[in-house]
């Protein structure tokens, strides 16, 4: 979380209704991380959404180390290697959207 303050939707985190919602809602650690990333303080909606997308990527498709060894082509990858490659491609696409939003 980058800072405290009003979240991007214009809600004040000190507002009693906002506090009641947060207290009544028990979120998973993954959902809480995304919510906290979105609630980064006084910022533009695009930047808030970009931070939430980065938190989503970290929770859903965390960065994995690259496999060791070289392959002549993608067809030569094993099933686990292809699954890892697909997960990282999904992560890259989510982060590309976040970067685009940051540049607005």
PDB file of N, CA and C in Angstrom:
ATOM      1  N   UNK A   1       0.840  -1.168   0.000  1.00  0.00           N
ATOM      2  CA  UNK A   1       0.000   0.000   0.000  1.00  0.00           C
ATOM      3  C   UNK A   1       0.887   1.234   0.000  1.00  0.00           C
ATOM      4  N   UNK A   2       0.653   2.162  -0.914  1.00  0.00           N
ATOM      5  CA  UNK A   2       1.525   3.315  -1.049  1.00  0.00           C
ATOM      6  C   UNK A   2       1.231   4.409  -0.041  1.00  0.00           C
ATOM      7  N   UNK A   3       0.023   4.523   0.438  1.00  0.00           N
ATOM      8  CA  UNK A   3      -0.272   5.593   1.375  1.00  0.00           C
ATOM      9  C   UNK A   3      -1.703   5.538   1.835  1.00  0.00           C
ATOM     10  N   UNK A   4      -2.028   6.377   2.797  1.00  0.00           N
ATOM     11  CA  UNK A   4      -3.383   6.418   3.325  1.00  0.00           C
ATOM     12  C   UNK A   4      -4.116   7.602   2.731  1.00  0.00           C
ATOM     13  N   UNK A   5      -5.418   7.616   2.847  1.00  0.00           N
ATOM     14  CA  UNK A   5      -6.211   8.722   2.347  1.00  0.00           C
ATOM     15  C   UNK A   5      -7.461   8.214   1.677  1.00  0.00           C
ATOM     16  N   UNK A   6      -8.081   9.091   0.917  1.00  0.00           N
ATOM     17  CA  UNK A   6      -9.322   8.710   0.240  1.00  0.00           C
ATOM     18  C   UNK A   6      -9.011   7.743  -0.882  1.00  0.00           C
ATOM     19  N   UNK A   7      -9.844   6.756  -1.032  1.00  0.00           N
ATOM     20  CA  UNK A   7      -9.622   5.798  -2.119  1.00  0.00           C
ATOM     21  C   UNK A   7     -10.127   6.392  -3.418  1.00  0.00           C
ATOM     22  N   UNK A   8      -9.856   5.727  -4.496  1.00  0.00           N
ATOM     23  CA  UNK A   8     -10.115   6.283  -5.818  1.00  0.00           C
ATOM     24  C   UNK A   8     -11.592   6.506  -6.110  1.00  0.00           C
ATOM     25  N   UNK A   9     -12.452   5.759  -5.491  1.00  0.00           N
ATOM     26  CA  UNK A   9     -13.875   5.918  -5.762  1.00  0.00           C
ATOM     27  C   UNK A   9     -14.425   7.155  -5.076  1.00  0.00           C
ATOM     28  N   UNK A  10     -13.579   7.910  -4.385  1.00  0.00           N
ATOM     29  CA  UNK A  10     -14.015   9.108  -3.700  1.00  0.00           C
ATOM     30  C   UNK A  10     -14.533   8.832  -2.304  1.00  0.00           C
ATOM     31  N   UNK A  11     -14.414   7.601  -1.834  1.00  0.00           N
ATOM     32  CA  UNK A  11     -14.835   7.277  -0.478  1.00  0.00           C
ATOM     33  C   UNK A  11     -13.741   7.649   0.500  1.00  0.00           C
ATOM     34  N   UNK A  12     -14.137   8.186   1.607  1.00  0.00           N
ATOM     35  CA  UNK A  12     -13.187   8.534   2.654  1.00  0.00           C
ATOM     36  C   UNK A  12     -13.050   7.341   3.578  1.00  0.00           C
ATOM     37  N   UNK A  13     -11.830   6.819   3.776  1.00  0.00           N
ATOM     38  CA  UNK A  13     -11.667   5.650   4.639  1.00  0.00           C
ATOM     39  C   UNK A  13     -12.031   5.932   6.088  1.00  0.00           C
ATOM     40  N   UNK A  14     -12.215   7.204   6.438  1.00  0.00           N
ATOM     41  CA  UNK A  14     -12.663   7.535   7.791  1.00  0.00           C
ATOM     42  C   UNK A  14     -14.178   7.629   7.880  1.00  0.00           C
ATOM     43  N   UNK A  15     -14.852   7.549   6.744  1.00  0.00           N
ATOM     44  CA  UNK A  15     -16.310   7.576   6.701  1.00  0.00           C
ATOM     45  C   UNK A  15     -16.845   6.349   7.435  1.00  0.00           C
ATOM     46  N   UNK A  16     -17.812   6.524   8.338  1.00  0.00           N
ATOM     47  CA  UNK A  16     -18.333   5.380   9.099  1.00  0.00           C
ATOM     48  C   UNK A  16     -18.862   4.243   8.235  1.00  0.00           C
ATOM     49  N   UNK A  17     -19.504   4.559   7.105  1.00  0.00           N
ATOM     50  CA  UNK A  17     -20.009   3.495   6.241  1.00  0.00           C
ATOM     51  C   UNK A  17     -18.862   2.702   5.616  1.00  0.00           C
ATOM     52  N   UNK A  18     -17.806   3.400   5.238  1.00  0.00           N
ATOM     53  CA  UNK A  18     -16.639   2.721   4.671  1.00  0.00           C
ATOM     54  C   UNK A  18     -16.010   1.805   5.716  1.00  0.00           C
ATOM     55  N   UNK A  19     -15.855   2.317   6.938  1.00  0.00           N
ATOM     56  CA  UNK A  19     -15.278   1.513   8.016  1.00  0.00           C
ATOM     57  C   UNK A  19     -16.165   0.320   8.341  1.00  0.00           C
ATOM     58  N   UNK A  20     -17.481   0.521   8.370  1.00  0.00           N
ATOM     59  CA  UNK A  20     -18.405  -0.570   8.651  1.00  0.00           C
ATOM     60  C   UNK A  20     -18.292  -1.651   7.585  1.00  0.00           C
ATOM     61  N   UNK A  21     -18.218  -1.245   6.321  1.00  0.00           N
ATOM     62  CA  UNK A  21     -18.062  -2.213   5.234  1.00  0.00           C
ATOM     63  C   UNK A  21     -16.792  -3.024   5.414  1.00  0.00           C
ATOM     64  N   UNK A  22     -15.685  -2.351   5.729  1.00  0.00           N
ATOM     65  CA  UNK A  22     -14.421  -3.049   5.902  1.00  0.00           C
ATOM     66  C   UNK A  22     -14.467  -4.000   7.094  1.00  0.00           C
ATOM     67  N   UNK A  23     -15.152  -3.592   8.169  1.00  0.00           N
ATOM     68  CA  UNK A  23     -15.243  -4.445   9.350  1.00  0.00           C
ATOM     69  C   UNK A  23     -16.173  -5.634   9.127  1.00  0.00           C
ATOM     70  N   UNK A  24     -17.248  -5.427   8.367  1.00  0.00           N
ATOM     71  CA  UNK A  24     -18.218  -6.492   8.163  1.00  0.00           C
ATOM     72  C   UNK A  24     -17.764  -7.489   7.107  1.00  0.00           C
ATOM     73  N   UNK A  25     -16.844  -7.104   6.281  1.00  0.00           N
ATOM     74  CA  UNK A  25     -16.420  -7.947   5.179  1.00  0.00           C
ATOM     75  C   UNK A  25     -15.100  -8.617   5.528  1.00  0.00           C
ATOM     76  N   UNK A  26     -15.135  -9.906   5.700  1.00  0.00           N
ATOM     77  CA  UNK A  26     -13.901 -10.641   5.920  1.00  0.00           C
ATOM     78  C   UNK A  26     -13.403 -11.125   4.570  1.00  0.00           C
ATOM     79  N   UNK A  27     -12.294 -10.574   4.158  1.00  0.00           N
ATOM     80  CA  UNK A  27     -11.745 -10.905   2.856  1.00  0.00           C
ATOM     81  C   UNK A  27     -10.603 -11.897   2.991  1.00  0.00           C
ATOM     82  N   UNK A  28     -10.403 -12.653   1.939  1.00  0.00           N
ATOM     83  CA  UNK A  28      -9.237 -13.531   1.881  1.00  0.00           C
ATOM     84  C   UNK A  28      -7.997 -12.647   1.813  1.00  0.00           C
ATOM     85  N   UNK A  29      -6.833 -13.181   2.160  1.00  0.00           N
ATOM     86  CA  UNK A  29      -5.610 -12.376   2.048  1.00  0.00           C
ATOM     87  C   UNK A  29      -5.386 -11.852   0.624  1.00  0.00           C
ATOM     88  N   UNK A  30      -5.725 -12.651  -0.380  1.00  0.00           N
ATOM     89  CA  UNK A  30      -5.543 -12.214  -1.772  1.00  0.00           C
ATOM     90  C   UNK A  30      -6.467 -11.038  -2.089  1.00  0.00           C
ATOM     91  N   UNK A  31      -7.737 -11.141  -1.714  1.00  0.00           N
ATOM     92  CA  UNK A  31      -8.686 -10.053  -1.973  1.00  0.00           C
ATOM     93  C   UNK A  31      -8.313  -8.806  -1.185  1.00  0.00           C
ATOM     94  N   UNK A  32      -7.849  -8.985   0.043  1.00  0.00           N
ATOM     95  CA  UNK A  32      -7.434  -7.851   0.867  1.00  0.00           C
ATOM     96  C   UNK A  32      -6.239  -7.124   0.232  1.00  0.00           C
ATOM     97  N   UNK A  33      -5.299  -7.869  -0.335  1.00  0.00           N
ATOM     98  CA  UNK A  33      -4.137  -7.257  -0.990  1.00  0.00           C
ATOM     99  C   UNK A  33      -4.559  -6.399  -2.174  1.00  0.00           C
ATOM    100  N   UNK A  34      -5.525  -6.893  -2.963  1.00  0.00           N
ATOM    101  CA  UNK A  34      -6.005  -6.127  -4.112  1.00  0.00           C
ATOM    102  C   UNK A  34      -6.744  -4.881  -3.639  1.00  0.00           C
ATOM    103  N   UNK A  35      -7.589  -5.009  -2.612  1.00  0.00           N
ATOM    104  CA  UNK A  35      -8.321  -3.862  -2.077  1.00  0.00           C
ATOM    105  C   UNK A  35      -7.361  -2.811  -1.537  1.00  0.00           C
ATOM    106  N   UNK A  36      -6.358  -3.231  -0.802  1.00  0.00           N
ATOM    107  CA  UNK A  36      -5.399  -2.283  -0.240  1.00  0.00           C
ATOM    108  C   UNK A  36      -4.576  -1.604  -1.330  1.00  0.00           C
ATOM    109  N   UNK A  37      -4.263  -2.324  -2.391  1.00  0.00           N
ATOM    110  CA  UNK A  37      -3.523  -1.711  -3.497  1.00  0.00           C
ATOM    111  C   UNK A  37      -4.376  -0.660  -4.186  1.00  0.00           C
ATOM    112  N   UNK A  38      -5.677  -0.910  -4.268  1.00  0.00           N
ATOM    113  CA  UNK A  38      -6.586   0.051  -4.892  1.00  0.00           C
ATOM    114  C   UNK A  38      -6.710   1.297  -4.038  1.00  0.00           C
ATOM    115  N   UNK A  39      -6.653   1.153  -2.736  1.00  0.00           N
ATOM    116  CA  UNK A  39      -6.864   2.258  -1.801  1.00  0.00           C
ATOM    117  C   UNK A  39      -5.510   2.896  -1.465  1.00  0.00           C
ATOM    118  N   UNK A  40      -4.879   3.535  -2.464  1.00  0.00           N
ATOM    119  CA  UNK A  40      -3.516   4.042  -2.278  1.00  0.00           C
ATOM    120  C   UNK A  40      -3.454   5.514  -1.935  1.00  0.00           C
ATOM    121  N   UNK A  41      -4.560   6.146  -1.736  1.00  0.00           N
ATOM    122  CA  UNK A  41      -4.520   7.557  -1.369  1.00  0.00           C
ATOM    123  C   UNK A  41      -5.021   8.434  -2.494  1.00  0.00           C
ATOM    124  N   UNK A  42      -4.681   9.701  -2.397  1.00  0.00           N
ATOM    125  CA  UNK A  42      -5.145  10.672  -3.382  1.00  0.00           C
ATOM    126  C   UNK A  42      -4.408  10.437  -4.693  1.00  0.00           C
ATOM    127  N   UNK A  43      -5.120   9.929  -5.664  1.00  0.00           N
ATOM    128  CA  UNK A  43      -4.519   9.596  -6.937  1.00  0.00           C
ATOM    129  C   UNK A  43      -5.613   9.530  -7.982  1.00  0.00           C
ATOM    130  N   UNK A  44      -5.213   9.304  -9.223  1.00  0.00           N
ATOM    131  CA  UNK A  44      -6.206   9.195 -10.288  1.00  0.00           C
ATOM    132  C   UNK A  44      -6.792   7.788 -10.290  1.00  0.00           C
ATOM    133  N   UNK A  45      -8.013   7.639 -10.795  1.00  0.00           N
ATOM    134  CA  UNK A  45      -8.596   6.289 -10.883  1.00  0.00           C
ATOM    135  C   UNK A  45      -7.731   5.332 -11.697  1.00  0.00           C
ATOM    136  N   UNK A  46      -7.097   5.823 -12.753  1.00  0.00           N
ATOM    137  CA  UNK A  46      -6.261   4.948 -13.590  1.00  0.00           C
ATOM    138  C   UNK A  46      -5.085   4.401 -12.792  1.00  0.00           C
ATOM    139  N   UNK A  47      -4.437   5.240 -11.985  1.00  0.00           N
ATOM    140  CA  UNK A  47      -3.297   4.783 -11.188  1.00  0.00           C
ATOM    141  C   UNK A  47      -3.763   3.805 -10.118  1.00  0.00           C
ATOM    142  N   UNK A  48      -4.901   4.087  -9.499  1.00  0.00           N
ATOM    143  CA  UNK A  48      -5.437   3.165  -8.493  1.00  0.00           C
ATOM    144  C   UNK A  48      -5.748   1.804  -9.104  1.00  0.00           C
ATOM    145  N   UNK A  49      -6.358   1.825 -10.268  1.00  0.00           N
ATOM    146  CA  UNK A  49      -6.685   0.572 -10.946  1.00  0.00           C
ATOM    147  C   UNK A  49      -5.411  -0.163 -11.347  1.00  0.00           C
ATOM    148  N   UNK A  50      -4.411   0.563 -11.801  1.00  0.00           N
ATOM    149  CA  UNK A  50      -3.133  -0.056 -12.168  1.00  0.00           C
ATOM    150  C   UNK A  50      -2.515  -0.768 -10.963  1.00  0.00           C
ATOM    151  N   UNK A  51      -2.540  -0.136  -9.804  1.00  0.00           N
ATOM    152  CA  UNK A  51      -2.000  -0.759  -8.592  1.00  0.00           C
ATOM    153  C   UNK A  51      -2.801  -1.993  -8.201  1.00  0.00           C
ATOM    154  N   UNK A  52      -4.119  -1.918  -8.354  1.00  0.00           N
ATOM    155  CA  UNK A  52      -4.954  -3.080  -8.043  1.00  0.00           C
ATOM    156  C   UNK A  52      -4.648  -4.231  -9.009  1.00  0.00           C
ATOM    157  N   UNK A  53      -4.421  -3.925 -10.277  1.00  0.00           N
ATOM    158  CA  UNK A  53      -4.076  -4.971 -11.244  1.00  0.00           C
ATOM    159  C   UNK A  53      -2.731  -5.614 -10.920  1.00  0.00           C
ATOM    160  N   UNK A  54      -1.768  -4.816 -10.476  1.00  0.00           N
ATOM    161  CA  UNK A  54      -0.472  -5.389 -10.087  1.00  0.00           C
ATOM    162  C   UNK A  54      -0.638  -6.327  -8.890  1.00  0.00           C
ATOM    163  N   UNK A  55      -1.452  -5.907  -7.933  1.00  0.00           N
ATOM    164  CA  UNK A  55      -1.703  -6.769  -6.774  1.00  0.00           C
ATOM    165  C   UNK A  55      -2.419  -8.043  -7.207  1.00  0.00           C
ATOM    166  N   UNK A  56      -3.356  -7.921  -8.137  1.00  0.00           N
ATOM    167  CA  UNK A  56      -4.052  -9.091  -8.676  1.00  0.00           C
ATOM    168  C   UNK A  56      -3.052 -10.049  -9.316  1.00  0.00           C
ATOM    169  N   UNK A  57      -2.152  -9.515 -10.138  1.00  0.00           N
ATOM    170  CA  UNK A  57      -1.150 -10.364 -10.794  1.00  0.00           C
ATOM    171  C   UNK A  57      -0.287 -11.073  -9.756  1.00  0.00           C
ATOM    172  N   UNK A  58       0.106 -10.349  -8.709  1.00  0.00           N
ATOM    173  CA  UNK A  58       0.934 -10.965  -7.664  1.00  0.00           C
ATOM    174  C   UNK A  58       0.192 -12.087  -6.942  1.00  0.00           C
ATOM    175  N   UNK A  59      -1.114 -11.932  -6.764  1.00  0.00           N
ATOM    176  CA  UNK A  59      -1.896 -12.927  -6.043  1.00  0.00           C
ATOM    177  C   UNK A  59      -2.259 -14.127  -6.910  1.00  0.00           C
ATOM    178  N   UNK A  60      -2.599 -13.874  -8.171  1.00  0.00           N
ATOM    179  CA  UNK A  60      -3.127 -14.931  -9.043  1.00  0.00           C
ATOM    180  C   UNK A  60      -2.030 -15.644  -9.827  1.00  0.00           C
ATOM    181  N   UNK A  61      -1.098 -14.880 -10.372  1.00  0.00           N
ATOM    182  CA  UNK A  61      -0.009 -15.463 -11.162  1.00  0.00           C
ATOM    183  C   UNK A  61       1.319 -14.860 -10.714  1.00  0.00           C
ATOM    184  N   UNK A  62       1.820 -15.298  -9.562  1.00  0.00           N
ATOM    185  CA  UNK A  62       3.069 -14.734  -9.066  1.00  0.00           C
ATOM    186  C   UNK A  62       4.216 -15.002 -10.039  1.00  0.00           C
ATOM    187  N   UNK A  63       5.193 -14.120  -9.974  1.00  0.00           N
ATOM    188  CA  UNK A  63       6.361 -14.275 -10.841  1.00  0.00           C
ATOM    189  C   UNK A  63       7.098 -15.557 -10.481  1.00  0.00           C
ATOM    190  N   UNK A  64       7.494 -16.293 -11.499  1.00  0.00           N
ATOM    191  CA  UNK A  64       8.213 -17.551 -11.313  1.00  0.00           C
ATOM    192  C   UNK A  64       9.578 -17.441 -11.969  1.00  0.00           C
ATOM    193  N   UNK A  65      10.564 -18.129 -11.430  1.00  0.00           N
ATOM    194  CA  UNK A  65      11.871 -18.089 -12.082  1.00  0.00           C
ATOM    195  C   UNK A  65      11.809 -18.748 -13.456  1.00  0.00           C
ATOM    196  N   UNK A  66      12.632 -18.238 -14.335  1.00  0.00           N
ATOM    197  CA  UNK A  66      12.695 -18.815 -15.684  1.00  0.00           C
ATOM    198  C   UNK A  66      13.303 -20.205 -15.612  1.00  0.00           C
ATOM    199  N   UNK A  67      12.851 -21.101 -16.477  1.00  0.00           N
ATOM    200  CA  UNK A  67      13.422 -22.446 -16.472  1.00  0.00           C
ATOM    201  C   UNK A  67      14.881 -22.412 -16.916  1.00  0.00           C
ATOM    202  N   UNK A  68      15.630 -23.352 -16.426  1.00  0.00           N
ATOM    203  CA  UNK A  68      17.027 -23.445 -16.857  1.00  0.00           C
ATOM    204  C   UNK A  68      17.110 -24.319 -18.093  1.00  0.00           C
ATOM    205  N   UNK A  69      18.095 -24.086 -18.910  1.00  0.00           N
ATOM    206  CA  UNK A  69      18.250 -24.889 -20.127  1.00  0.00           C
ATOM    207  C   UNK A  69      17.545 -24.239 -21.291  1.00  0.00           C
ATOM    208  N   UNK A  70      18.067 -24.433 -22.432  1.00  0.00           N
ATOM    209  CA  UNK A  70      17.522 -23.853 -23.656  1.00  0.00           C
ATOM    210  C   UNK A  70      16.748 -24.918 -24.429  1.00  0.00           C
ATOM    211  N   UNK A  71      15.718 -24.492 -25.117  1.00  0.00           N
ATOM    212  CA  UNK A  71      14.939 -25.369 -25.974  1.00  0.00           C
ATOM    213  C   UNK A  71      14.996 -24.810 -27.386  1.00  0.00           C
ATOM    214  N   UNK A  72      15.017 -25.691 -28.362  1.00  0.00           N
ATOM    215  CA  UNK A  72      15.074 -25.258 -29.756  1.00  0.00           C
ATOM    216  C   UNK A  72      13.783 -24.563 -30.177  1.00  0.00           C
ATOM    217  N   UNK A  73      12.647 -24.999 -29.630  1.00  0.00           N
ATOM    218  CA  UNK A  73      11.369 -24.379 -29.979  1.00  0.00           C
ATOM    219  C   UNK A  73      10.369 -24.624 -28.851  1.00  0.00           C
ATOM    220  N   UNK A  74       9.280 -23.890 -28.902  1.00  0.00           N
ATOM    221  CA  UNK A  74       8.231 -24.026 -27.882  1.00  0.00           C
ATOM    222  C   UNK A  74       7.664 -25.439 -27.877  1.00  0.00           C
ATOM    223  N   UNK A  75       7.612 -26.084 -29.019  1.00  0.00           N
ATOM    224  CA  UNK A  75       7.061 -27.437 -29.102  1.00  0.00           C
ATOM    225  C   UNK A  75       7.860 -28.433 -28.269  1.00  0.00           C
ATOM    226  N   UNK A  76       9.102 -28.112 -27.958  1.00  0.00           N
ATOM    227  CA  UNK A  76       9.949 -29.036 -27.204  1.00  0.00           C
ATOM    228  C   UNK A  76       9.804 -28.870 -25.689  1.00  0.00           C
ATOM    229  N   UNK A  77       9.018 -27.886 -25.241  1.00  0.00           N
ATOM    230  CA  UNK A  77       8.811 -27.691 -23.810  1.00  0.00           C
ATOM    231  C   UNK A  77       7.950 -28.811 -23.256  1.00  0.00           C
ATOM    232  N   UNK A  78       8.186 -29.164 -22.012  1.00  0.00           N
ATOM    233  CA  UNK A  78       7.345 -30.152 -21.349  1.00  0.00           C
ATOM    234  C   UNK A  78       6.016 -29.498 -20.973  1.00  0.00           C
ATOM    235  N   UNK A  79       5.050 -30.292 -20.593  1.00  0.00           N
ATOM    236  CA  UNK A  79       3.753 -29.751 -20.195  1.00  0.00           C
ATOM    237  C   UNK A  79       3.904 -28.780 -19.028  1.00  0.00           C
ATOM    238  N   UNK A  80       4.638 -29.112 -17.937  1.00  0.00           N
ATOM    239  CA  UNK A  80       4.801 -28.131 -16.858  1.00  0.00           C
ATOM    240  C   UNK A  80       5.489 -26.836 -17.320  1.00  0.00           C
ATOM    241  N   UNK A  81       6.446 -26.954 -18.237  1.00  0.00           N
ATOM    242  CA  UNK A  81       7.111 -25.750 -18.745  1.00  0.00           C
ATOM    243  C   UNK A  81       6.141 -24.891 -19.555  1.00  0.00           C
ATOM    244  N   UNK A  82       5.304 -25.538 -20.349  1.00  0.00           N
ATOM    245  CA  UNK A  82       4.303 -24.796 -21.123  1.00  0.00           C
ATOM    246  C   UNK A  82       3.281 -24.136 -20.208  1.00  0.00           C
ATOM    247  N   UNK A  83       2.895 -24.816 -19.144  1.00  0.00           N
ATOM    248  CA  UNK A  83       1.953 -24.232 -18.190  1.00  0.00           C
ATOM    249  C   UNK A  83       2.574 -23.018 -17.501  1.00  0.00           C
ATOM    250  N   UNK A  84       3.852 -23.136 -17.122  1.00  0.00           N
ATOM    251  CA  UNK A  84       4.556 -22.018 -16.499  1.00  0.00           C
ATOM    252  C   UNK A  84       4.647 -20.846 -17.477  1.00  0.00           C
ATOM    253  N   UNK A  85       4.973 -21.148 -18.744  1.00  0.00           N
ATOM    254  CA  UNK A  85       5.077 -20.112 -19.768  1.00  0.00           C
ATOM    255  C   UNK A  85       3.736 -19.404 -19.957  1.00  0.00           C
ATOM    256  N   UNK A  86       2.640 -20.162 -19.949  1.00  0.00           N
ATOM    257  CA  UNK A  86       1.311 -19.562 -20.101  1.00  0.00           C
ATOM    258  C   UNK A  86       0.962 -18.689 -18.894  1.00  0.00           C
ATOM    259  N   UNK A  87       1.287 -19.171 -17.698  1.00  0.00           N
ATOM    260  CA  UNK A  87       1.028 -18.352 -16.501  1.00  0.00           C
ATOM    261  C   UNK A  87       1.786 -17.028 -16.575  1.00  0.00           C
ATOM    262  N   UNK A  88       3.039 -17.082 -16.985  1.00  0.00           N
ATOM    263  CA  UNK A  88       3.841 -15.866 -17.058  1.00  0.00           C
ATOM    264  C   UNK A  88       3.376 -14.942 -18.178  1.00  0.00           C
ATOM    265  N   UNK A  89       2.858 -15.510 -19.259  1.00  0.00           N
ATOM    266  CA  UNK A  89       2.292 -14.694 -20.331  1.00  0.00           C
ATOM    267  C   UNK A  89       1.035 -13.974 -19.823  1.00  0.00           C
ATOM    268  N   UNK A  90       0.211 -14.668 -19.057  1.00  0.00           N
ATOM    269  CA  UNK A  90      -0.980 -14.051 -18.464  1.00  0.00           C
ATOM    270  C   UNK A  90      -0.564 -12.917 -17.540  1.00  0.00           C
ATOM    271  N   UNK A  91       0.444 -13.168 -16.698  1.00  0.00           N
ATOM    272  CA  UNK A  91       0.954 -12.132 -15.802  1.00  0.00           C
ATOM    273  C   UNK A  91       1.447 -10.926 -16.598  1.00  0.00           C
ATOM    274  N   UNK A  92       2.190 -11.178 -17.667  1.00  0.00           N
ATOM    275  CA  UNK A  92       2.722 -10.086 -18.496  1.00  0.00           C
ATOM    276  C   UNK A  92       1.601  -9.252 -19.099  1.00  0.00           C
ATOM    277  N   UNK A  93       0.530  -9.903 -19.528  1.00  0.00           N
ATOM    278  CA  UNK A  93      -0.592  -9.183 -20.127  1.00  0.00           C
ATOM    279  C   UNK A  93      -1.301  -8.313 -19.093  1.00  0.00           C
ATOM    280  N   UNK A  94      -1.486  -8.831 -17.879  1.00  0.00           N
ATOM    281  CA  UNK A  94      -2.108  -8.046 -16.807  1.00  0.00           C
ATOM    282  C   UNK A  94      -1.234  -6.837 -16.475  1.00  0.00           C
ATOM    283  N   UNK A  95       0.079  -7.071 -16.346  1.00  0.00           N
ATOM    284  CA  UNK A  95       0.993  -5.975 -16.012  1.00  0.00           C
ATOM    285  C   UNK A  95       1.101  -4.960 -17.146  1.00  0.00           C
ATOM    286  N   UNK A  96       0.950  -5.395 -18.389  1.00  0.00           N
ATOM    287  CA  UNK A  96       0.966  -4.455 -19.516  1.00  0.00           C
ATOM    288  C   UNK A  96      -0.233  -3.512 -19.436  1.00  0.00           C
ATOM    289  N   UNK A  97      -1.387  -4.033 -19.039  1.00  0.00           N
ATOM    290  CA  UNK A  97      -2.571  -3.178 -18.859  1.00  0.00           C
ATOM    291  C   UNK A  97      -2.308  -2.177 -17.738  1.00  0.00           C
ATOM    292  N   UNK A  98      -1.733  -2.645 -16.633  1.00  0.00           N
ATOM    293  CA  UNK A  98      -1.419  -1.752 -15.506  1.00  0.00           C
ATOM    294  C   UNK A  98      -0.455  -0.649 -15.946  1.00  0.00           C
ATOM    295  N   UNK A  99       0.573  -1.008 -16.713  1.00  0.00           N
ATOM    296  CA  UNK A  99       1.532  -0.005 -17.192  1.00  0.00           C
ATOM    297  C   UNK A  99       0.875   1.015 -18.115  1.00  0.00           C
ATOM    298  N   UNK A 100      -0.035   0.535 -18.958  1.00  0.00           N
ATOM    299  CA  UNK A 100      -0.753   1.445 -19.847  1.00  0.00           C
ATOM    300  C   UNK A 100      -1.602   2.426 -19.051  1.00  0.00           C
ATOM    301  N   UNK A 101      -2.264   1.930 -18.016  1.00  0.00           N
ATOM    302  CA  UNK A 101      -3.079   2.807 -17.171  1.00  0.00           C
ATOM    303  C   UNK A 101      -2.208   3.836 -16.445  1.00  0.00           C
ATOM    304  N   UNK A 102      -1.020   3.412 -16.021  1.00  0.00           N
ATOM    305  CA  UNK A 102      -0.091   4.348 -15.365  1.00  0.00           C
ATOM    306  C   UNK A 102       0.297   5.501 -16.276  1.00  0.00           C
ATOM    307  N   UNK A 103       0.346   5.261 -17.566  1.00  0.00           N
ATOM    308  CA  UNK A 103       0.791   6.278 -18.513  1.00  0.00           C
ATOM    309  C   UNK A 103      -0.324   7.189 -18.996  1.00  0.00           C
ATOM    310  N   UNK A 104      -1.496   7.072 -18.428  1.00  0.00           N
ATOM    311  CA  UNK A 104      -2.622   7.936 -18.811  1.00  0.00           C
ATOM    312  C   UNK A 104      -2.502   9.299 -18.188  1.00  0.00           C
TER     313      UNK A 104
END
